[in-house]
Amino acid sequence: MEYENKLVLAPMVRVGTLPFRLLASDYGADITYAEEIVDHKMIKCERKVNECIGTTDFVEKGTDNVVFRTCNQERNRVVFQMGTSDAVRALKAAQIVCKDVAAVDINMGCPKSFSVSGGMGAALLTRPDLIHDILTTLRRNLDTPVTCKIRLLKSSQDTVELARRIEKIGVSALAVHGRKVADRPRDPAKWDEIADIVSTLSIPVIANGDVFEYDDFQRIKVATGASSVMVARAALWNASIFSPKGERHWEDVKQEYVRKSILWDNDIKSTKHTLREIISHHSCLELPEGKAVIKSENLAALAKVYGEEEYYRSVSENRFSHNGRI
């Protein structure tokens, strides 16, 4: 995995599933992070090849619950991001999935209570010895590249010192969200503090924060000196932000997402969440479209909302005929 001059899709819970990652890559994303998956959940999974859809699924044992789904198309660019607070557990989870992804990333930046309360995400930022334990364990036992994503600490000097410690472990790259744990999304990202980190490290740094249009990729790169740039919210609102040809209308991109969700049999809750986020940003959930999405109980119902009944029927028939041949 190369980390120089790359456009990167950030990890987003309930958004970064297979269809959205493929949508982003279609528009130009070079590296696509999957949504964070907690180690506890991953170690309960078994790997299954889904010939019907053409995917590799990691399914919770004894259930039909697909925890992580990937495919050969994204093998060289998908990053499996993990939430963990324990080195042994992290390794066990990583070993299940590492041969099917391009890299394994440890989430050290999520400020949400569900993550921090479990000692994961941003809670790791105050435990450098545990960070060292987790990353060292993964580096020693995996052939797959290992990276991590952090937030800024209280002072720029503190962040730089932590980044140096992480670099010495031998990670392949470091992603830095230019906000502190207490900052809100509306607070400006501190590009200058990302620059402080870049100036002291020799490994690639991926800058994240306040990228809202294609030209911002170059702006933050120049301002920080970062090797690559990561985008989250703006990609969710319109995945064509990665396209050098200019953004497509959000309605068209949303329609593509619906079709990809049907094609890859995406989880209905994840699909609805992503659509609600797109609609609420550009329009209003109280309008008929938003209400219809909320009411939809399965992909067939969503296909009807978006006039994709024939496409849904065609995909379903192809799967049925494939099952008949197996």
Protein backbone atom coordinates (compact mmCIF):
# COMPACT_ATOMS: atom_id res chain seq x y z
CA MET A 1 0.00 0.00 0.00
CA GLU A 2 1.37 3.40 -1.02
CA TYR A 3 0.47 6.51 0.95
CA GLU A 4 1.92 9.29 -1.21
CA ASN A 5 -0.44 11.68 -3.03
CA LYS A 6 -3.57 9.69 -2.24
CA LEU A 7 -7.18 10.80 -1.84
CA VAL A 8 -8.64 8.89 1.08
CA LEU A 9 -12.18 8.07 2.19
CA ALA A 10 -12.37 8.39 5.98
CA PRO A 11 -13.86 5.68 8.20
CA MET A 12 -17.51 6.47 8.94
CA VAL A 13 -19.72 4.30 11.14
CA ARG A 14 -22.78 2.90 9.32
CA VAL A 15 -21.63 4.62 6.11
CA GLY A 16 -18.35 3.01 5.06
CA THR A 17 -19.78 -0.32 3.94
CA LEU A 18 -18.89 -1.98 0.64
CA PRO A 19 -21.24 -0.11 -1.74
CA PHE A 20 -20.22 3.31 -0.43
CA ARG A 21 -16.51 2.43 -0.57
CA LEU A 22 -16.87 1.28 -4.18
CA LEU A 23 -18.86 4.40 -5.03
CA ALA A 24 -16.07 6.60 -3.63
CA SER A 25 -13.39 4.65 -5.51
CA ASP A 26 -15.36 4.94 -8.75
CA TYR A 27 -15.07 8.71 -8.39
CA GLY A 28 -11.37 8.70 -7.60
CA ALA A 29 -10.74 7.70 -3.98
CA ASP A 30 -7.39 5.87 -3.90
CA ILE A 31 -7.78 4.43 -0.40
CA THR A 32 -11.10 3.61 1.26
CA TYR A 33 -11.42 3.01 5.00
CA ALA A 34 -14.20 0.72 6.14
CA GLU A 35 -16.38 1.70 9.07
CA GLU A 36 -14.81 1.00 12.46
CA ILE A 37 -15.49 -2.53 13.70
CA VAL A 38 -14.86 -3.42 17.34
CA ASP A 39 -12.48 -6.32 17.98
CA HIS A 40 -15.01 -8.08 20.26
CA LYS A 41 -17.40 -8.35 17.31
CA MET A 42 -14.78 -9.42 14.78
CA ILE A 43 -13.39 -12.29 16.82
CA LYS A 44 -16.85 -13.85 16.82
CA CYS A 45 -16.80 -14.02 13.02
CA GLU A 46 -15.89 -16.64 10.47
CA ARG A 47 -14.80 -15.96 6.90
CA LYS A 48 -17.20 -17.07 4.18
CA VAL A 49 -16.93 -16.70 0.42
CA ASN A 50 -20.30 -15.51 -0.90
CA GLU A 51 -20.29 -16.79 -4.48
CA CYS A 52 -23.84 -15.60 -5.03
CA ILE A 53 -22.86 -11.93 -4.64
CA GLY A 54 -19.15 -12.21 -5.35
CA THR A 55 -17.96 -11.09 -1.92
CA THR A 56 -15.93 -12.26 1.02
CA ASP A 57 -18.08 -12.00 4.13
CA PHE A 58 -17.12 -12.09 7.78
CA VAL A 59 -20.21 -13.46 9.45
CA GLU A 60 -20.98 -13.71 13.15
CA LYS A 61 -20.88 -17.42 13.99
CA GLY A 62 -24.28 -19.03 14.37
CA THR A 63 -26.07 -16.13 12.66
CA ASP A 64 -26.57 -14.55 9.24
CA ASN A 65 -25.18 -11.24 10.53
CA VAL A 66 -22.52 -9.92 8.13
CA VAL A 67 -20.11 -7.85 10.22
CA PHE A 68 -17.74 -6.98 7.36
CA ARG A 69 -18.11 -7.49 3.62
CA THR A 70 -15.45 -6.91 0.98
CA CYS A 71 -14.65 -8.01 -2.58
CA ASN A 72 -11.71 -8.46 -4.93
CA GLN A 73 -12.36 -5.09 -6.61
CA GLU A 74 -11.21 -3.24 -3.51
CA ARG A 75 -8.55 -5.65 -2.27
CA ASN A 76 -5.65 -3.26 -2.89
CA ARG A 77 -7.22 -0.15 -1.36
CA VAL A 78 -9.61 -1.10 1.46
CA VAL A 79 -8.45 -0.44 5.01
CA PHE A 80 -9.99 -2.42 7.84
CA GLN A 81 -10.34 -0.06 10.81
CA MET A 82 -10.62 -1.60 14.24
CA GLY A 83 -11.75 -0.36 17.62
CA THR A 84 -9.73 -2.01 20.38
CA SER A 85 -8.26 -1.56 23.83
CA ASP A 86 -6.33 -4.82 24.04
CA ALA A 87 -3.31 -6.02 22.04
CA VAL A 88 -4.08 -9.74 22.13
CA ARG A 89 -7.69 -9.22 21.11
CA ALA A 90 -6.67 -6.78 18.38
CA LEU A 91 -4.28 -9.31 16.90
CA LYS A 92 -6.86 -12.09 17.00
CA ALA A 93 -9.35 -9.88 15.15
CA ALA A 94 -6.77 -8.65 12.63
CA GLN A 95 -5.62 -12.17 11.79
CA ILE A 96 -9.15 -13.07 10.72
CA VAL A 97 -9.33 -10.35 8.09
CA CYS A 98 -5.78 -9.28 7.23
CA LYS A 99 -5.37 -11.37 4.07
CA ASP A 100 -8.44 -9.79 2.48
CA VAL A 101 -7.58 -6.11 3.01
CA ALA A 102 -4.80 -3.71 2.04
CA ALA A 103 -4.10 -2.49 5.58
CA VAL A 104 -5.27 -2.67 9.19
CA ASP A 105 -5.86 0.61 11.03
CA ILE A 106 -6.39 1.23 14.74
CA ASN A 107 -8.93 3.89 15.65
CA MET A 108 -7.40 6.27 18.20
CA GLY A 109 -9.48 9.32 17.42
CA CYS A 110 -13.18 8.56 17.88
CA PRO A 111 -14.55 10.77 20.71
CA LYS A 112 -17.98 9.08 20.87
CA SER A 113 -18.97 7.73 24.27
CA PHE A 114 -19.52 4.13 23.07
CA SER A 115 -15.89 4.05 21.95
CA VAL A 116 -14.25 5.98 24.79
CA SER A 117 -16.19 4.17 27.52
CA GLY A 118 -14.72 0.90 26.30
CA GLY A 119 -11.20 2.30 26.42
CA MET A 120 -11.10 2.52 22.62
CA GLY A 121 -10.83 5.39 20.16
CA ALA A 122 -9.73 8.70 21.68
CA ALA A 123 -9.36 7.03 25.10
CA LEU A 124 -6.12 5.53 23.77
CA LEU A 125 -4.57 8.97 23.27
CA THR A 126 -3.89 9.23 27.00
CA ARG A 127 -2.43 5.71 27.20
CA PRO A 128 0.75 5.74 25.09
CA ASP A 129 2.02 2.49 26.61
CA LEU A 130 -1.13 0.68 25.52
CA ILE A 131 -0.82 2.24 22.06
CA HIS A 132 2.72 0.89 21.91
CA ASP A 133 1.57 -2.56 23.03
CA ILE A 134 -1.25 -2.78 20.46
CA LEU A 135 0.72 -1.47 17.48
CA THR A 136 3.87 -3.44 18.30
CA THR A 137 1.89 -6.67 18.63
CA LEU A 138 0.25 -6.12 15.25
CA ARG A 139 3.49 -5.11 13.53
CA ARG A 140 5.36 -8.18 14.78
CA ASN A 141 2.68 -10.66 13.76
CA LEU A 142 1.14 -9.30 10.56
CA ASP A 143 2.53 -8.98 7.04
CA THR A 144 -0.26 -6.51 6.29
CA PRO A 145 0.56 -2.79 6.70
CA VAL A 146 -0.51 -1.37 10.08
CA THR A 147 -1.57 2.25 10.56
CA CYS A 148 -3.53 4.33 13.05
CA LYS A 149 -5.68 7.45 13.11
CA ILE A 150 -5.37 9.98 15.92
CA ARG A 151 -6.73 13.36 17.00
CA LEU A 152 -4.83 16.34 18.31
CA LEU A 153 -3.89 16.40 22.00
CA LYS A 154 -4.16 19.42 24.30
CA SER A 155 -0.92 20.93 23.01
CA SER A 156 0.83 20.62 19.68
CA GLN A 157 3.98 19.47 21.48
CA ASP A 158 2.07 16.60 23.13
CA THR A 159 0.69 15.48 19.77
CA VAL A 160 4.11 15.62 18.14
CA GLU A 161 5.63 13.53 20.94
CA LEU A 162 2.90 10.90 20.60
CA ALA A 163 3.31 10.86 16.81
CA ARG A 164 7.05 10.29 17.21
CA ARG A 165 6.42 7.34 19.53
CA ILE A 166 3.99 5.85 17.03
CA GLU A 167 6.45 6.32 14.16
CA LYS A 168 9.18 4.43 16.04
CA ILE A 169 6.90 1.38 16.26
CA GLY A 170 7.07 1.07 12.48
CA VAL A 171 3.55 1.90 11.30
CA SER A 172 3.19 2.50 7.56
CA ALA A 173 1.33 5.81 7.90
CA LEU A 174 -0.39 8.05 10.43
CA ALA A 175 -3.74 9.74 9.82
CA VAL A 176 -4.34 12.90 11.83
CA HIS A 177 -7.73 14.53 12.38
CA GLY A 178 -7.01 18.21 12.96
CA ARG A 179 -9.37 18.58 15.90
CA LYS A 180 -9.10 17.84 19.61
CA VAL A 181 -11.39 15.44 21.44
CA ALA A 182 -13.55 18.24 22.85
CA ASP A 183 -13.89 20.01 19.48
CA ARG A 184 -17.12 19.81 17.54
CA PRO A 185 -17.37 19.33 13.74
CA ARG A 186 -18.25 23.04 13.39
CA ASP A 187 -14.96 24.05 15.02
CA PRO A 188 -12.25 24.83 12.44
CA ALA A 189 -9.69 22.08 11.88
CA LYS A 190 -6.20 23.10 13.00
CA TRP A 191 -4.16 22.56 9.86
CA ASP A 192 -1.16 24.28 11.47
CA GLU A 193 -0.96 21.59 14.16
CA ILE A 194 -1.07 18.87 11.51
CA ALA A 195 1.84 20.69 9.85
CA ASP A 196 3.79 20.49 13.13
CA ILE A 197 3.45 16.71 13.05
CA VAL A 198 4.36 16.40 9.36
CA SER A 199 7.53 18.44 9.86
CA THR A 200 8.87 16.03 12.49
CA LEU A 201 7.98 12.65 10.95
CA SER A 202 9.46 10.73 8.05
CA ILE A 203 6.49 8.39 7.55
CA PRO A 204 3.50 9.50 5.44
CA VAL A 205 0.92 11.61 7.27
CA ILE A 206 -2.69 11.65 6.07
CA ALA A 207 -4.34 15.00 6.88
CA ASN A 208 -8.02 15.03 7.81
CA GLY A 209 -10.35 17.94 8.58
CA ASP A 210 -12.30 20.66 6.71
CA VAL A 211 -12.09 19.23 3.20
CA PHE A 212 -15.37 20.26 1.57
CA GLU A 213 -14.57 20.44 -2.15
CA TYR A 214 -12.04 18.96 -4.56
CA ASP A 215 -9.73 22.00 -4.44
CA ASP A 216 -9.45 21.59 -0.66
CA PHE A 217 -7.38 18.45 -1.21
CA GLN A 218 -4.57 20.58 -2.59
CA ARG A 219 -5.12 23.41 -0.09
CA ILE A 220 -4.69 21.22 3.00
CA LYS A 221 -1.79 19.39 1.35
CA VAL A 222 0.05 22.67 0.76
CA ALA A 223 -0.83 24.05 4.21
CA THR A 224 0.29 20.95 6.11
CA GLY A 225 2.85 19.27 3.89
CA ALA A 226 0.92 16.01 4.37
CA SER A 227 1.51 13.09 2.02
CA SER A 228 -2.19 12.40 1.48
CA VAL A 229 -5.59 13.80 2.38
CA MET A 230 -8.65 12.20 3.99
CA VAL A 231 -12.27 13.38 3.76
CA ALA A 232 -15.33 12.29 5.73
CA ARG A 233 -18.51 14.41 5.82
CA ALA A 234 -18.17 15.99 2.39
CA ALA A 235 -17.71 12.54 0.84
CA LEU A 236 -20.83 11.32 2.62
CA TRP A 237 -22.81 14.26 1.26
CA ASN A 238 -21.46 13.75 -2.26
CA ALA A 239 -19.00 10.95 -3.04
CA SER A 240 -18.05 12.61 -6.33
CA ILE A 241 -15.91 15.07 -4.32
CA PHE A 242 -13.02 12.75 -5.29
CA SER A 243 -13.50 13.43 -9.00
CA PRO A 244 -11.07 15.86 -10.69
CA LYS A 245 -13.75 16.39 -13.32
CA GLY A 246 -15.96 18.18 -10.79
CA GLU A 247 -18.81 17.09 -8.56
CA ARG A 248 -21.89 15.48 -10.03
CA HIS A 249 -25.31 16.47 -8.75
CA TRP A 250 -25.96 14.87 -5.38
CA GLU A 251 -29.22 13.34 -6.60
CA ASP A 252 -27.36 11.39 -9.29
CA VAL A 253 -24.69 10.20 -6.84
CA LYS A 254 -27.38 9.15 -4.36
CA GLN A 255 -29.11 7.11 -7.06
CA GLU A 256 -25.82 5.35 -7.81
CA TYR A 257 -25.46 4.53 -4.12
CA VAL A 258 -28.94 2.96 -4.09
CA ARG A 259 -28.07 0.77 -7.07
CA LYS A 260 -24.78 -0.32 -5.53
CA SER A 261 -26.54 -1.13 -2.26
CA ILE A 262 -28.94 -3.37 -4.18
CA LEU A 263 -26.13 -5.00 -6.18
CA TRP A 264 -24.02 -5.80 -3.10
CA ASP A 265 -27.00 -6.68 -0.87
CA ASN A 266 -26.10 -4.01 1.67
CA ASP A 267 -27.55 -4.02 5.17
CA ILE A 268 -30.85 -2.10 5.07
CA LYS A 269 -30.13 -0.17 8.28
CA SER A 270 -26.78 1.00 6.96
CA THR A 271 -28.29 1.95 3.60
CA LYS A 272 -31.12 3.92 5.20
CA HIS A 273 -28.75 5.70 7.58
CA THR A 274 -26.52 6.81 4.71
CA LEU A 275 -29.49 7.98 2.63
CA ARG A 276 -30.95 9.89 5.59
CA GLU A 277 -27.63 11.67 6.10
CA ILE A 278 -27.45 12.65 2.42
CA ILE A 279 -31.07 13.80 2.27
CA SER A 280 -30.98 15.75 5.53
CA HIS A 281 -27.90 17.67 4.35
CA HIS A 282 -29.24 18.61 0.92
CA SER A 283 -32.99 18.57 1.45
CA CYS A 284 -35.38 17.57 4.24
CA LEU A 285 -36.39 14.25 5.75
CA GLU A 286 -39.94 15.52 6.21
CA LEU A 287 -40.52 15.58 2.47
CA PRO A 288 -42.07 12.48 0.80
CA GLU A 289 -38.70 10.97 -0.18
CA GLY A 290 -37.33 11.15 3.35
CA LYS A 291 -40.49 9.68 4.86
CA ALA A 292 -40.49 6.85 2.30
CA VAL A 293 -36.86 6.00 3.09
CA ILE A 294 -37.58 5.90 6.82
CA LYS A 295 -40.54 3.56 6.25
CA SER A 296 -38.65 1.17 3.96
CA GLU A 297 -38.09 -2.18 5.65
CA ASN A 298 -35.90 -3.81 3.00
CA LEU A 299 -33.97 -3.13 -0.19
CA ALA A 300 -36.98 -4.07 -2.33
CA ALA A 301 -38.96 -1.25 -0.72
CA LEU A 302 -36.07 1.19 -1.22
CA ALA A 303 -35.82 0.12 -4.87
CA LYS A 304 -39.46 1.12 -5.28
CA VAL A 305 -38.85 4.53 -3.67
CA TYR A 306 -36.11 5.26 -6.20
CA GLY A 307 -37.72 3.70 -9.29
CA GLU A 308 -35.23 0.85 -9.37
CA GLU A 309 -37.73 -2.03 -9.23
CA GLU A 310 -36.56 -3.45 -12.58
CA TYR A 311 -32.91 -3.28 -11.51
CA TYR A 312 -33.72 -4.96 -8.20
CA ARG A 313 -35.66 -7.69 -10.03
CA SER A 314 -32.79 -8.25 -12.48
CA VAL A 315 -30.19 -8.52 -9.70
CA SER A 316 -32.41 -10.88 -7.71
CA GLU A 317 -33.03 -13.11 -10.74
CA ASN A 318 -29.31 -13.33 -11.47
CA ARG A 319 -28.65 -14.41 -7.89
CA PHE A 320 -31.45 -16.96 -8.06
CA SER A 321 -30.09 -18.48 -11.27
CA HIS A 322 -26.58 -18.52 -9.80
CA ASN A 323 -27.86 -20.34 -6.72
CA GLY A 324 -29.51 -22.87 -8.97
CA ARG A 325 -26.16 -23.61 -10.63
CA ILE A 326 -24.25 -24.09 -7.37
